[in-house]
Amino acid sequence: MYDAPPQRQASQRFYALWREHMQDLGLEAPEELSWRESLVDVWRDPTLLIAQACGYPFATGLCGGAQLVATPCYEFRGCSGATYASVLVAGAHRAGDQLADFRTQRVAINAWDSYSGFHALRFHLFESVGAEPFVSESIVTGSHLASMESVASGSADLAAIDCVSWAHAQRDRSALSARLCEIEFTAQAPGLPLITGADRSAEEIEILRTSLRETIEDPRASSARQRLGLVDMQCLSDGHYKLIRERSERARRMPWPRS
C-alpha cells in the first residue's frame, strides 16, 4: 500500500529476505513482489500468497474471502502498536486553525473505499459535529499524495492522510509537506492488514506469520525496516477490524457531497 519509489525499493528488499525465510519453512513464493493497479482483483484472488490491504475493504468484505495474516506496526507519530490514525492536513497558511474553521469547505479524498482518507475523516467529523452537513465539496484524487498536492495547491482545503503516508511525505517530499500543516489526528484504528488468499491453509498462514517474525528480527532487514518504519507485527483477529465497519456505518448519518 505504501508504494512510492523509496518504499517500493525497501519493500522489495524486505520481501527478498521474507521469501528466504518462507522457503526455509517449506513455502514456495514468487521471486519478487508485483505491483498492480487493480488491487481489489489481487485481494480477491483465492491463490494470493500475501498482500497488504486497506482496512475498510477488508472489514466490509470487499476483499472476498481473504484471510488475515498479520498487521504491521510502524514507528511513526500517529501509530501505536498495530493501530494507526489519519492526520488532517490543510495549507500551511491555515496553521493554528481549528477543525470548525473548515465548515462548508472543500475536502480532498483519495478514494471512497479508503478508511484513512475518507471513512476515518467522516467518522471524525461525525463525532465532532454530529449528523449535520459540514463539507461543501468532495474532490476525489486517487491517492494520498494527490490529496496532499490538491490541498497544497489550494484546489482543496482539507484532507485526511494516513499517518504512515504523511511520515513518508515529510521525509521524502519535504517541499510538498512544508506547504501543509497538521490540524489534528483522527481516532486510532487497526492498521493496514497483510492478507492471504481464501485457498491458503492454516499451515501456510502459520508459515507466513513465523517467517514474517523471523524477517523482522533478521539483522539483514534492518535498513529496509528503517526505510519502511516497520518495527513489529501483531496477529489481530477479524473481530478487531469490525471497528472500522461500525464507524463507517455510524458516520453515514452525516450528509456528504458526492460531487
Foldseek 3Di string as FASTA:
>chain_A
DQCDPLLVVLVFQLVQQLQVLLVVVPDHDDNGDDDDDPVLVQLQPQQFQKDWAALQCLLVCSSPLWAFQWAFFFDFPQTDGQKGWWWKKAFPVCPPPAPLVQFQFEEEAQDPSHCQWPLLVLLQVCVVPNQEHGYNYYHHQNDLVRRLVCRLVPVGGITIGTRLSLVLCCVPVVVSCVRMDTRGITDMAGHTTMIGHNNDDPVSSVSSNVSSQVSLVDPSSVVSCVSSRTRHIGRDHSVSSNVSVVSSVVSVSHDDDPD
